PDB file of N, CA and C in Angstrom:
ATOM      1  N   MET A   1      12.386  -7.842 -32.418  1.00  0.00           N
ATOM      2  CA  MET A   1      12.046  -7.226 -30.980  1.00  0.00           C
ATOM      3  C   MET A   1      10.666  -6.605 -30.104  1.00  0.00           C
ATOM      4  N   LEU A   2      10.599  -5.271 -31.189  1.00  0.00           N
ATOM      5  CA  LEU A   2       9.345  -4.817 -30.853  1.00  0.00           C
ATOM      6  C   LEU A   2       8.010  -5.350 -30.949  1.00  0.00           C
ATOM      7  N   GLU A   3       7.662  -6.372 -31.811  1.00  0.00           N
ATOM      8  CA  GLU A   3       7.025  -7.354 -31.788  1.00  0.00           C
ATOM      9  C   GLU A   3       6.275  -7.687 -30.858  1.00  0.00           C
ATOM     10  N   ASN A   4       7.543  -8.064 -29.726  1.00  0.00           N
ATOM     11  CA  ASN A   4       6.685  -9.027 -28.463  1.00  0.00           C
ATOM     12  C   ASN A   4       6.058  -7.976 -27.565  1.00  0.00           C
ATOM     13  N   TYR A   5       6.277  -6.290 -28.146  1.00  0.00           N
ATOM     14  CA  TYR A   5       5.160  -5.868 -27.104  1.00  0.00           C
ATOM     15  C   TYR A   5       4.697  -4.921 -27.749  1.00  0.00           C
ATOM     16  N   LEU A   6       3.843  -5.637 -29.041  1.00  0.00           N
ATOM     17  CA  LEU A   6       2.677  -5.443 -29.742  1.00  0.00           C
ATOM     18  C   LEU A   6       1.050  -5.577 -28.755  1.00  0.00           C
ATOM     19  N   PRO A   7       1.354  -7.467 -27.985  1.00  0.00           N
ATOM     20  CA  PRO A   7       0.166  -7.128 -27.319  1.00  0.00           C
ATOM     21  C   PRO A   7      -0.100  -6.210 -25.969  1.00  0.00           C
ATOM     22  N   ILE A   8       0.924  -5.989 -25.580  1.00  0.00           N
ATOM     23  CA  ILE A   8       1.244  -5.143 -24.417  1.00  0.00           C
ATOM     24  C   ILE A   8       0.498  -3.640 -24.659  1.00  0.00           C
ATOM     25  N   LEU A   9       0.787  -2.840 -25.527  1.00  0.00           N
ATOM     26  CA  LEU A   9       0.333  -2.047 -26.399  1.00  0.00           C
ATOM     27  C   LEU A   9      -1.192  -2.050 -26.697  1.00  0.00           C
ATOM     28  N   VAL A  10      -1.655  -3.032 -27.757  1.00  0.00           N
ATOM     29  CA  VAL A  10      -2.918  -3.553 -27.684  1.00  0.00           C
ATOM     30  C   VAL A  10      -3.894  -3.451 -26.497  1.00  0.00           C
ATOM     31  N   PHE A  11      -3.544  -4.328 -25.489  1.00  0.00           N
ATOM     32  CA  PHE A  11      -3.875  -4.228 -24.163  1.00  0.00           C
ATOM     33  C   PHE A  11      -4.270  -2.795 -23.484  1.00  0.00           C
ATOM     34  N   ILE A  12      -3.432  -2.352 -23.312  1.00  0.00           N
ATOM     35  CA  ILE A  12      -3.302  -0.762 -23.140  1.00  0.00           C
ATOM     36  C   ILE A  12      -4.171  -0.072 -23.793  1.00  0.00           C
ATOM     37  N   ILE A  13      -4.128  -0.039 -24.746  1.00  0.00           N
ATOM     38  CA  ILE A  13      -5.006   0.947 -25.878  1.00  0.00           C
ATOM     39  C   ILE A  13      -6.361   0.645 -25.564  1.00  0.00           C
ATOM     40  N   LEU A  14      -6.239  -0.745 -25.654  1.00  0.00           N
ATOM     41  CA  LEU A  14      -8.133  -1.445 -25.187  1.00  0.00           C
ATOM     42  C   LEU A  14      -8.491  -0.667 -23.516  1.00  0.00           C
ATOM     43  N   GLY A  15      -7.718  -1.178 -22.768  1.00  0.00           N
ATOM     44  CA  GLY A  15      -7.995  -0.610 -21.439  1.00  0.00           C
ATOM     45  C   GLY A  15      -8.468   0.737 -21.262  1.00  0.00           C
ATOM     46  N   VAL A  16      -7.609   1.570 -21.727  1.00  0.00           N
ATOM     47  CA  VAL A  16      -7.979   2.903 -22.057  1.00  0.00           C
ATOM     48  C   VAL A  16      -9.136   3.623 -22.528  1.00  0.00           C
ATOM     49  N   LEU A  17      -9.598   2.719 -23.668  1.00  0.00           N
ATOM     50  CA  LEU A  17     -10.652   2.637 -24.439  1.00  0.00           C
ATOM     51  C   LEU A  17     -11.799   2.178 -23.510  1.00  0.00           C
ATOM     52  N   PHE A  18     -11.698   1.653 -22.710  1.00  0.00           N
ATOM     53  CA  PHE A  18     -13.107   0.967 -21.954  1.00  0.00           C
ATOM     54  C   PHE A  18     -13.008   1.336 -20.675  1.00  0.00           C
ATOM     55  N   GLY A  19     -12.066   2.207 -20.282  1.00  0.00           N
ATOM     56  CA  GLY A  19     -12.357   2.542 -19.310  1.00  0.00           C
ATOM     57  C   GLY A  19     -12.817   4.239 -19.769  1.00  0.00           C
ATOM     58  N   VAL A  20     -12.425   5.255 -20.220  1.00  0.00           N
ATOM     59  CA  VAL A  20     -12.414   6.603 -21.009  1.00  0.00           C
ATOM     60  C   VAL A  20     -13.491   6.305 -21.807  1.00  0.00           C
ATOM     61  N   GLY A  21     -13.785   5.536 -22.620  1.00  0.00           N
ATOM     62  CA  GLY A  21     -14.743   5.648 -23.636  1.00  0.00           C
ATOM     63  C   GLY A  21     -16.176   5.935 -23.279  1.00  0.00           C
ATOM     64  N   PRO A  22     -16.788   5.230 -21.583  1.00  0.00           N
ATOM     65  CA  PRO A  22     -17.890   5.367 -21.471  1.00  0.00           C
ATOM     66  C   PRO A  22     -18.403   7.078 -20.806  1.00  0.00           C
ATOM     67  N   ILE A  23     -17.102   7.171 -20.321  1.00  0.00           N
ATOM     68  CA  ILE A  23     -17.424   8.524 -19.680  1.00  0.00           C
ATOM     69  C   ILE A  23     -17.523   9.448 -20.791  1.00  0.00           C
ATOM     70  N   ILE A  24     -16.820   9.741 -21.497  1.00  0.00           N
ATOM     71  CA  ILE A  24     -16.791  10.656 -22.818  1.00  0.00           C
ATOM     72  C   ILE A  24     -17.667  10.383 -23.629  1.00  0.00           C
ATOM     73  N   ALA A  25     -18.493   9.408 -24.097  1.00  0.00           N
ATOM     74  CA  ALA A  25     -19.472   9.274 -24.411  1.00  0.00           C
ATOM     75  C   ALA A  25     -20.938   8.895 -23.272  1.00  0.00           C
ATOM     76  N   GLY A  26     -21.026   9.159 -21.842  1.00  0.00           N
ATOM     77  CA  GLY A  26     -21.876  10.158 -21.061  1.00  0.00           C
ATOM     78  C   GLY A  26     -22.048  11.083 -21.271  1.00  0.00           C
ATOM     79  N   PHE A  27     -20.766  12.185 -21.026  1.00  0.00           N
ATOM     80  CA  PHE A  27     -20.400  13.478 -21.333  1.00  0.00           C
ATOM     81  C   PHE A  27     -21.274  13.741 -23.041  1.00  0.00           C
ATOM     82  N   ALA A  28     -21.157  13.250 -24.188  1.00  0.00           N
ATOM     83  CA  ALA A  28     -21.170  13.618 -25.346  1.00  0.00           C
ATOM     84  C   ALA A  28     -22.637  13.281 -25.523  1.00  0.00           C
ATOM     85  N   LEU A  29     -23.537  12.241 -25.177  1.00  0.00           N
ATOM     86  CA  LEU A  29     -24.681  11.500 -25.286  1.00  0.00           C
ATOM     87  C   LEU A  29     -25.781  12.203 -24.505  1.00  0.00           C
ATOM     88  N   ALA A  30     -25.472  12.385 -23.029  1.00  0.00           N
ATOM     89  CA  ALA A  30     -26.494  12.905 -21.771  1.00  0.00           C
ATOM     90  C   ALA A  30     -26.654  13.875 -21.950  1.00  0.00           C
ATOM     91  N   PRO A  31     -28.315  14.079 -21.930  1.00  0.00           N
ATOM     92  CA  PRO A  31     -28.828  15.624 -22.066  1.00  0.00           C
ATOM     93  C   PRO A  31     -28.391  16.172 -20.990  1.00  0.00           C
ATOM     94  N   HIS A  32     -28.432  17.934 -21.153  1.00  0.00           N
ATOM     95  CA  HIS A  32     -27.688  18.877 -20.313  1.00  0.00           C
ATOM     96  C   HIS A  32     -28.664  19.709 -19.561  1.00  0.00           C
ATOM     97  N   ARG A  33     -29.430  19.200 -18.662  1.00  0.00           N
ATOM     98  CA  ARG A  33     -30.717  19.922 -18.116  1.00  0.00           C
ATOM     99  C   ARG A  33     -30.527  20.591 -16.826  1.00  0.00           C
ATOM    100  N   PRO A  34     -28.949  21.247 -16.299  1.00  0.00           N
ATOM    101  CA  PRO A  34     -28.453  21.307 -14.876  1.00  0.00           C
ATOM    102  C   PRO A  34     -30.277  22.191 -14.461  1.00  0.00           C
ATOM    103  N   ASP A  35     -30.261  22.285 -13.471  1.00  0.00           N
ATOM    104  CA  ASP A  35     -31.244  23.104 -12.262  1.00  0.00           C
ATOM    105  C   ASP A  35     -30.929  23.048 -10.972  1.00  0.00           C
ATOM    106  N   SER A  36     -31.299  24.130 -10.113  1.00  0.00           N
ATOM    107  CA  SER A  36     -31.440  24.310  -8.931  1.00  0.00           C
ATOM    108  C   SER A  36     -30.944  22.499  -7.716  1.00  0.00           C
ATOM    109  N   GLU A  37     -31.970  22.019  -8.274  1.00  0.00           N
ATOM    110  CA  GLU A  37     -32.352  20.919  -7.264  1.00  0.00           C
ATOM    111  C   GLU A  37     -30.430  20.132  -7.913  1.00  0.00           C
ATOM    112  N   LYS A  38     -30.553  20.004  -9.154  1.00  0.00           N
ATOM    113  CA  LYS A  38     -28.951  18.874  -9.317  1.00  0.00           C
ATOM    114  C   LYS A  38     -28.089  19.521  -8.811  1.00  0.00           C
ATOM    115  N   LEU A  39     -27.563  20.874  -8.789  1.00  0.00           N
ATOM    116  CA  LEU A  39     -26.763  21.568  -8.494  1.00  0.00           C
ATOM    117  C   LEU A  39     -26.400  22.276  -7.334  1.00  0.00           C
ATOM    118  N   SER A  40     -27.243  22.171  -6.421  1.00  0.00           N
ATOM    119  CA  SER A  40     -27.106  21.970  -4.991  1.00  0.00           C
ATOM    120  C   SER A  40     -26.380  21.035  -3.957  1.00  0.00           C
ATOM    121  N   PRO A  41     -26.068  21.347  -3.134  1.00  0.00           N
ATOM    122  CA  PRO A  41     -25.160  20.140  -2.371  1.00  0.00           C
ATOM    123  C   PRO A  41     -25.803  19.371  -1.747  1.00  0.00           C
ATOM    124  N   TYR A  42     -25.393  18.244  -1.585  1.00  0.00           N
ATOM    125  CA  TYR A  42     -26.296  16.859  -0.838  1.00  0.00           C
ATOM    126  C   TYR A  42     -25.656  16.676   0.148  1.00  0.00           C
ATOM    127  N   GLU A  43     -25.771  16.589   1.574  1.00  0.00           N
ATOM    128  CA  GLU A  43     -25.110  15.577   2.426  1.00  0.00           C
ATOM    129  C   GLU A  43     -26.233  14.766   3.297  1.00  0.00           C
ATOM    130  N   CYS A  44     -26.283  13.828   3.219  1.00  0.00           N
ATOM    131  CA  CYS A  44     -26.938  13.117   4.361  1.00  0.00           C
ATOM    132  C   CYS A  44     -28.294  13.507   4.484  1.00  0.00           C
ATOM    133  N   GLY A  45     -29.106  13.300   2.931  1.00  0.00           N
ATOM    134  CA  GLY A  45     -30.193  13.554   2.762  1.00  0.00           C
ATOM    135  C   GLY A  45     -31.353  15.631   3.435  1.00  0.00           C
ATOM    136  N   PHE A  46     -30.341  16.078   3.886  1.00  0.00           N
ATOM    137  CA  PHE A  46     -30.529  17.762   4.242  1.00  0.00           C
ATOM    138  C   PHE A  46     -29.783  18.688   4.149  1.00  0.00           C
ATOM    139  N   GLU A  47     -30.328  19.737   3.825  1.00  0.00           N
ATOM    140  CA  GLU A  47     -29.446  21.212   3.652  1.00  0.00           C
ATOM    141  C   GLU A  47     -27.984  20.606   4.498  1.00  0.00           C
ATOM    142  N   ALA A  48     -26.987  21.229   3.775  1.00  0.00           N
ATOM    143  CA  ALA A  48     -26.077  21.373   5.125  1.00  0.00           C
ATOM    144  C   ALA A  48     -26.010  23.273   5.428  1.00  0.00           C
ATOM    145  N   PHE A  49     -25.933  22.618   6.608  1.00  0.00           N
ATOM    146  CA  PHE A  49     -26.393  24.017   7.968  1.00  0.00           C
ATOM    147  C   PHE A  49     -25.193  24.285   8.896  1.00  0.00           C
ATOM    148  N   GLU A  50     -24.230  23.931   8.593  1.00  0.00           N
ATOM    149  CA  GLU A  50     -22.577  24.556   9.190  1.00  0.00           C
ATOM    150  C   GLU A  50     -21.813  24.647   8.483  1.00  0.00           C
ATOM    151  N   ASP A  51     -20.798  24.763   8.837  1.00  0.00           N
ATOM    152  CA  ASP A  51     -19.684  24.926   8.362  1.00  0.00           C
ATOM    153  C   ASP A  51     -18.576  23.310   8.077  1.00  0.00           C
ATOM    154  N   SER A  52     -17.906  22.836   7.069  1.00  0.00           N
ATOM    155  CA  SER A  52     -17.634  21.769   6.539  1.00  0.00           C
ATOM    156  C   SER A  52     -16.865  21.339   7.754  1.00  0.00           C
ATOM    157  N   ARG A  53     -15.875  22.247   8.355  1.00  0.00           N
ATOM    158  CA  ARG A  53     -15.004  22.263   8.992  1.00  0.00           C
ATOM    159  C   ARG A  53     -15.176  21.890  10.559  1.00  0.00           C
ATOM    160  N   MET A  54     -16.483  22.163  10.771  1.00  0.00           N
ATOM    161  CA  MET A  54     -16.768  21.574  12.203  1.00  0.00           C
ATOM    162  C   MET A  54     -16.218  20.321  12.846  1.00  0.00           C
ATOM    163  N   LYS A  55     -16.238  20.606  14.011  1.00  0.00           N
ATOM    164  CA  LYS A  55     -15.376  19.470  15.003  1.00  0.00           C
ATOM    165  C   LYS A  55     -16.621  18.103  15.154  1.00  0.00           C
ATOM    166  N   PHE A  56     -16.242  17.114  14.688  1.00  0.00           N
ATOM    167  CA  PHE A  56     -16.942  16.025  15.191  1.00  0.00           C
ATOM    168  C   PHE A  56     -16.738  15.287  16.790  1.00  0.00           C
ATOM    169  N   ASP A  57     -17.572  15.167  17.261  1.00  0.00           N
ATOM    170  CA  ASP A  57     -17.671  14.023  18.579  1.00  0.00           C
ATOM    171  C   ASP A  57     -16.598  12.711  18.624  1.00  0.00           C
ATOM    172  N   VAL A  58     -15.479  12.625  19.619  1.00  0.00           N
ATOM    173  CA  VAL A  58     -14.820  11.767  19.631  1.00  0.00           C
ATOM    174  C   VAL A  58     -15.387  10.217  19.291  1.00  0.00           C
ATOM    175  N   ARG A  59     -16.602   9.697  20.550  1.00  0.00           N
ATOM    176  CA  ARG A  59     -17.171   9.197  19.824  1.00  0.00           C
ATOM    177  C   ARG A  59     -17.692   8.954  18.026  1.00  0.00           C
ATOM    178  N   TYR A  60     -17.597   9.395  17.816  1.00  0.00           N
ATOM    179  CA  TYR A  60     -18.730   8.816  15.902  1.00  0.00           C
ATOM    180  C   TYR A  60     -17.221   8.520  15.836  1.00  0.00           C
ATOM    181  N   TYR A  61     -15.587   8.589  15.609  1.00  0.00           N
ATOM    182  CA  TYR A  61     -14.372   8.239  15.336  1.00  0.00           C
ATOM    183  C   TYR A  61     -14.234   6.824  16.047  1.00  0.00           C
ATOM    184  N   LEU A  62     -14.651   7.055  17.190  1.00  0.00           N
ATOM    185  CA  LEU A  62     -14.644   5.137  18.145  1.00  0.00           C
ATOM    186  C   LEU A  62     -15.655   4.543  17.371  1.00  0.00           C
ATOM    187  N   VAL A  63     -16.650   5.028  16.786  1.00  0.00           N
ATOM    188  CA  VAL A  63     -17.339   4.319  16.764  1.00  0.00           C
ATOM    189  C   VAL A  63     -17.332   3.427  15.045  1.00  0.00           C
ATOM    190  N   ALA A  64     -16.174   4.293  14.547  1.00  0.00           N
ATOM    191  CA  ALA A  64     -15.577   3.686  12.843  1.00  0.00           C
ATOM    192  C   ALA A  64     -14.575   3.161  13.350  1.00  0.00           C
ATOM    193  N   ILE A  65     -13.942   2.906  14.021  1.00  0.00           N
ATOM    194  CA  ILE A  65     -12.909   2.614  14.485  1.00  0.00           C
ATOM    195  C   ILE A  65     -13.124   1.447  15.163  1.00  0.00           C
ATOM    196  N   LEU A  66     -14.040   0.849  15.520  1.00  0.00           N
ATOM    197  CA  LEU A  66     -14.548  -0.311  15.811  1.00  0.00           C
ATOM    198  C   LEU A  66     -15.545  -1.048  15.383  1.00  0.00           C
ATOM    199  N   PHE A  67     -16.029  -0.607  14.023  1.00  0.00           N
ATOM    200  CA  PHE A  67     -16.392  -1.256  13.058  1.00  0.00           C
ATOM    201  C   PHE A  67     -15.795  -1.597  12.388  1.00  0.00           C
ATOM    202  N   ILE A  68     -14.475  -0.902  11.843  1.00  0.00           N
ATOM    203  CA  ILE A  68     -13.403  -1.691  11.114  1.00  0.00           C
ATOM    204  C   ILE A  68     -12.682  -2.822  11.353  1.00  0.00           C
ATOM    205  N   ILE A  69     -12.574  -2.471  13.306  1.00  0.00           N
ATOM    206  CA  ILE A  69     -11.884  -3.924  13.881  1.00  0.00           C
ATOM    207  C   ILE A  69     -12.900  -5.037  13.639  1.00  0.00           C
ATOM    208  N   PHE A  70     -14.285  -4.928  13.807  1.00  0.00           N
ATOM    209  CA  PHE A  70     -15.035  -6.216  13.642  1.00  0.00           C
ATOM    210  C   PHE A  70     -15.389  -6.217  12.303  1.00  0.00           C
ATOM    211  N   ASP A  71     -15.272  -5.911  11.351  1.00  0.00           N
ATOM    212  CA  ASP A  71     -15.208  -6.015   9.700  1.00  0.00           C
ATOM    213  C   ASP A  71     -13.890  -6.733   9.318  1.00  0.00           C
ATOM    214  N   LEU A  72     -12.832  -6.164   9.988  1.00  0.00           N
ATOM    215  CA  LEU A  72     -11.534  -7.185   9.961  1.00  0.00           C
ATOM    216  C   LEU A  72     -11.726  -8.433  10.245  1.00  0.00           C
ATOM    217  N   GLU A  73     -12.307  -8.496  11.537  1.00  0.00           N
ATOM    218  CA  GLU A  73     -12.310  -9.886  12.183  1.00  0.00           C
ATOM    219  C   GLU A  73     -13.514 -11.220  11.435  1.00  0.00           C
ATOM    220  N   ILE A  74     -14.361 -10.466  10.538  1.00  0.00           N
ATOM    221  CA  ILE A  74     -14.997 -11.243   9.927  1.00  0.00           C
ATOM    222  C   ILE A  74     -14.254 -11.541   8.505  1.00  0.00           C
ATOM    223  N   ALA A  75     -13.239 -10.324   8.299  1.00  0.00           N
ATOM    224  CA  ALA A  75     -12.577 -11.000   6.789  1.00  0.00           C
ATOM    225  C   ALA A  75     -11.477 -12.124   7.095  1.00  0.00           C
ATOM    226  N   PHE A  76     -11.199 -12.105   8.508  1.00  0.00           N
ATOM    227  CA  PHE A  76     -10.045 -13.024   8.810  1.00  0.00           C
ATOM    228  C   PHE A  76     -10.889 -14.106   9.169  1.00  0.00           C
ATOM    229  N   LEU A  77     -12.118 -14.453   9.308  1.00  0.00           N
ATOM    230  CA  LEU A  77     -12.911 -15.543  10.010  1.00  0.00           C
ATOM    231  C   LEU A  77     -13.376 -16.372   8.477  1.00  0.00           C
ATOM    232  N   PHE A  78     -13.669 -16.026   7.516  1.00  0.00           N
ATOM    233  CA  PHE A  78     -14.201 -16.488   5.813  1.00  0.00           C
ATOM    234  C   PHE A  78     -12.959 -17.190   5.298  1.00  0.00           C
ATOM    235  N   PRO A  79     -11.472 -16.977   5.512  1.00  0.00           N
ATOM    236  CA  PRO A  79     -10.544 -17.713   4.908  1.00  0.00           C
ATOM    237  C   PRO A  79     -10.480 -19.346   6.319  1.00  0.00           C
ATOM    238  N   TRP A  80      -9.895 -18.585   7.100  1.00  0.00           N
ATOM    239  CA  TRP A  80      -9.925 -19.592   8.039  1.00  0.00           C
ATOM    240  C   TRP A  80     -10.988 -20.832   8.448  1.00  0.00           C
ATOM    241  N   ALA A  81     -12.101 -20.546   7.978  1.00  0.00           N
ATOM    242  CA  ALA A  81     -13.017 -21.883   8.078  1.00  0.00           C
ATOM    243  C   ALA A  81     -13.037 -22.040   6.914  1.00  0.00           C
ATOM    244  N   VAL A  82     -12.425 -21.684   5.317  1.00  0.00           N
ATOM    245  CA  VAL A  82     -12.159 -22.715   4.177  1.00  0.00           C
ATOM    246  C   VAL A  82     -11.119 -23.591   4.606  1.00  0.00           C
ATOM    247  N   VAL A  83     -10.342 -23.057   5.079  1.00  0.00           N
ATOM    248  CA  VAL A  83      -8.841 -24.078   5.422  1.00  0.00           C
ATOM    249  C   VAL A  83      -8.837 -24.919   6.727  1.00  0.00           C
ATOM    250  N   LEU A  84     -10.178 -24.562   7.604  1.00  0.00           N
ATOM    251  CA  LEU A  84      -9.877 -25.250   8.544  1.00  0.00           C
ATOM    252  C   LEU A  84      -9.515 -27.156   8.940  1.00  0.00           C
ATOM    253  N   LYS A  85      -9.681 -27.907   7.979  1.00  0.00           N
ATOM    254  CA  LYS A  85      -9.636 -29.051   7.767  1.00  0.00           C
ATOM    255  C   LYS A  85      -8.078 -29.513   7.977  1.00  0.00           C
ATOM    256  N   GLU A  86      -7.587 -28.337   6.847  1.00  0.00           N
ATOM    257  CA  GLU A  86      -6.326 -27.997   6.337  1.00  0.00           C
ATOM    258  C   GLU A  86      -5.134 -27.734   7.613  1.00  0.00           C
ATOM    259  N   ILE A  87      -5.241 -26.728   8.273  1.00  0.00           N
ATOM    260  CA  ILE A  87      -4.164 -26.556   9.234  1.00  0.00           C
ATOM    261  C   ILE A  87      -4.619 -26.766  10.819  1.00  0.00           C
ATOM    262  N   GLY A  88      -5.803 -27.675  11.030  1.00  0.00           N
ATOM    263  CA  GLY A  88      -6.007 -28.421  11.802  1.00  0.00           C
ATOM    264  C   GLY A  88      -6.389 -27.855  13.352  1.00  0.00           C
ATOM    265  N   MET A  89      -5.860 -28.761  14.637  1.00  0.00           N
ATOM    266  CA  MET A  89      -5.944 -27.732  15.896  1.00  0.00           C
ATOM    267  C   MET A  89      -4.971 -26.637  16.214  1.00  0.00           C
ATOM    268  N   PHE A  90      -3.969 -26.843  15.401  1.00  0.00           N
ATOM    269  CA  PHE A  90      -3.547 -25.219  15.685  1.00  0.00           C
ATOM    270  C   PHE A  90      -4.147 -24.278  15.213  1.00  0.00           C
ATOM    271  N   GLY A  91      -4.131 -24.331  14.024  1.00  0.00           N
ATOM    272  CA  GLY A  91      -5.394 -22.988  13.505  1.00  0.00           C
ATOM    273  C   GLY A  91      -6.372 -22.783  14.192  1.00  0.00           C
ATOM    274  N   PHE A  92      -7.362 -23.758  14.944  1.00  0.00           N
ATOM    275  CA  PHE A  92      -8.227 -23.563  15.308  1.00  0.00           C
ATOM    276  C   PHE A  92      -8.118 -22.727  16.831  1.00  0.00           C
ATOM    277  N   VAL A  93      -6.734 -23.066  17.490  1.00  0.00           N
ATOM    278  CA  VAL A  93      -6.251 -22.507  18.963  1.00  0.00           C
ATOM    279  C   VAL A  93      -6.127 -21.084  18.633  1.00  0.00           C
ATOM    280  N   ALA A  94      -5.283 -21.262  17.413  1.00  0.00           N
ATOM    281  CA  ALA A  94      -5.272 -19.867  17.445  1.00  0.00           C
ATOM    282  C   ALA A  94      -5.971 -18.853  17.254  1.00  0.00           C
ATOM    283  N   MET A  95      -7.234 -19.388  16.035  1.00  0.00           N
ATOM    284  CA  MET A  95      -7.940 -18.505  15.870  1.00  0.00           C
ATOM    285  C   MET A  95      -8.978 -18.353  17.408  1.00  0.00           C
ATOM    286  N   ILE A  96      -9.135 -19.013  18.120  1.00  0.00           N
ATOM    287  CA  ILE A  96      -9.815 -18.881  19.243  1.00  0.00           C
ATOM    288  C   ILE A  96      -9.203 -18.179  20.043  1.00  0.00           C
ATOM    289  N   ILE A  97      -7.866 -17.430  20.272  1.00  0.00           N
ATOM    290  CA  ILE A  97      -7.158 -16.624  20.332  1.00  0.00           C
ATOM    291  C   ILE A  97      -7.546 -15.327  20.281  1.00  0.00           C
ATOM    292  N   PHE A  98      -7.576 -15.084  19.032  1.00  0.00           N
ATOM    293  CA  PHE A  98      -7.359 -14.176  18.167  1.00  0.00           C
ATOM    294  C   PHE A  98      -9.063 -13.522  18.520  1.00  0.00           C
ATOM    295  N   LEU A  99     -10.456 -14.343  18.508  1.00  0.00           N
ATOM    296  CA  LEU A  99     -11.387 -14.217  18.707  1.00  0.00           C
ATOM    297  C   LEU A  99     -11.550 -13.732  20.020  1.00  0.00           C
ATOM    298  N   GLY A 100     -10.670 -14.750  21.617  1.00  0.00           N
ATOM    299  CA  GLY A 100     -10.603 -14.010  22.904  1.00  0.00           C
ATOM    300  C   GLY A 100     -10.500 -12.635  22.971  1.00  0.00           C
ATOM    301  N   ILE A 101      -9.435 -12.420  22.331  1.00  0.00           N
ATOM    302  CA  ILE A 101      -8.768 -10.544  22.479  1.00  0.00           C
ATOM    303  C   ILE A 101      -9.450  -9.711  21.795  1.00  0.00           C
ATOM    304  N   LEU A 102     -10.508 -10.230  20.515  1.00  0.00           N
ATOM    305  CA  LEU A 102     -11.467  -9.197  20.122  1.00  0.00           C
ATOM    306  C   LEU A 102     -12.568  -9.161  20.871  1.00  0.00           C
ATOM    307  N   VAL A 103     -12.865 -10.304  21.608  1.00  0.00           N
ATOM    308  CA  VAL A 103     -14.401 -10.121  22.403  1.00  0.00           C
ATOM    309  C   VAL A 103     -13.588  -9.205  23.973  1.00  0.00           C
ATOM    310  N   VAL A 104     -12.238  -9.400  24.377  1.00  0.00           N
ATOM    311  CA  VAL A 104     -12.120  -8.616  25.425  1.00  0.00           C
ATOM    312  C   VAL A 104     -12.201  -7.294  25.476  1.00  0.00           C
ATOM    313  N   GLY A 105     -11.617  -7.006  23.954  1.00  0.00           N
ATOM    314  CA  GLY A 105     -11.802  -5.460  23.736  1.00  0.00           C
ATOM    315  C   GLY A 105     -12.976  -5.391  23.471  1.00  0.00           C
ATOM    316  N   PHE A 106     -13.996  -5.829  22.829  1.00  0.00           N
ATOM    317  CA  PHE A 106     -15.713  -5.474  22.849  1.00  0.00           C
ATOM    318  C   PHE A 106     -15.932  -5.138  24.295  1.00  0.00           C
ATOM    319  N   ILE A 107     -15.551  -6.158  24.948  1.00  0.00           N
ATOM    320  CA  ILE A 107     -16.237  -5.903  26.341  1.00  0.00           C
ATOM    321  C   ILE A 107     -15.930  -4.982  27.513  1.00  0.00           C
ATOM    322  N   TYR A 108     -14.665  -4.507  26.945  1.00  0.00           N
ATOM    323  CA  TYR A 108     -13.904  -3.178  27.432  1.00  0.00           C
ATOM    324  C   TYR A 108     -14.471  -1.772  27.090  1.00  0.00           C
ATOM    325  N   GLU A 109     -15.006  -1.784  25.797  1.00  0.00           N
ATOM    326  CA  GLU A 109     -15.164  -0.797  25.475  1.00  0.00           C
ATOM    327  C   GLU A 109     -16.537  -0.522  25.350  1.00  0.00           C
ATOM    328  N   TRP A 110     -17.279  -1.904  25.805  1.00  0.00           N
ATOM    329  CA  TRP A 110     -18.714  -1.812  26.383  1.00  0.00           C
ATOM    330  C   TRP A 110     -19.047  -0.809  27.728  1.00  0.00           C
ATOM    331  N   ILE A 111     -17.990  -1.715  28.398  1.00  0.00           N
ATOM    332  CA  ILE A 111     -18.084  -1.546  29.910  1.00  0.00           C
ATOM    333  C   ILE A 111     -17.987   0.307  29.727  1.00  0.00           C
ATOM    334  N   LYS A 112     -16.671   0.789  28.991  1.00  0.00           N
ATOM    335  CA  LYS A 112     -16.626   2.123  28.848  1.00  0.00           C
ATOM    336  C   LYS A 112     -17.149   2.838  28.252  1.00  0.00           C
ATOM    337  N   GLY A 113     -18.807   2.421  27.570  1.00  0.00           N
ATOM    338  CA  GLY A 113     -19.650   3.106  27.190  1.00  0.00           C
ATOM    339  C   GLY A 113     -19.268   3.675  26.274  1.00  0.00           C
ATOM    340  N   ALA A 114     -18.435   3.394  25.666  1.00  0.00           N
ATOM    341  CA  ALA A 114     -18.645   3.360  23.909  1.00  0.00           C
ATOM    342  C   ALA A 114     -19.158   3.024  23.029  1.00  0.00           C
ATOM    343  N   LEU A 115     -20.074   2.649  23.329  1.00  0.00           N
ATOM    344  CA  LEU A 115     -21.167   1.897  22.105  1.00  0.00           C
ATOM    345  C   LEU A 115     -22.744   3.098  22.495  1.00  0.00           C
ATOM    346  N   GLU A 116     -22.571   3.769  23.730  1.00  0.00           N
ATOM    347  CA  GLU A 116     -23.727   4.310  23.845  1.00  0.00           C
ATOM    348  C   GLU A 116     -23.582   5.205  22.856  1.00  0.00           C
ATOM    349  N   TRP A 117     -24.609   5.664  22.356  1.00  0.00           N
ATOM    350  CA  TRP A 117     -24.643   7.079  21.511  1.00  0.00           C
ATOM    351  C   TRP A 117     -26.224   7.785  22.042  1.00  0.00           C
ATOM    352  N   GLU A 118     -25.479   9.173  22.122  1.00  0.00           N
ATOM    353  CA  GLU A 118     -26.543   9.886  22.777  1.00  0.00           C
ATOM    354  C   GLU A 118     -27.071  10.997  21.915  1.00  0.00           C
TER     355      GLU A 118
END
């Protein structure tokens, strides 16, 4: 009975070796020459000048949420386009309704000025 689990054990061992092996090899073989540039914190191409717990403007989060919404829209459009012939007119109308709701939301955000960045 235990011989049935041997392939699983070999797979786990190989997975750990392939995952952890390069990390250990990198630490063991890479040259260690730290300097002030490598050890300094890097944030968006310039030195950090304020506390890391500073408050962001709400519009930053709004733009992030809008990006996620429209990114998900594209993620739904690709599979829909692939199976459009199989789902027929019902799938077409359902996607038009879905896109219509998103367009109404986009127009609302545009009117409210959420896309204006100062």
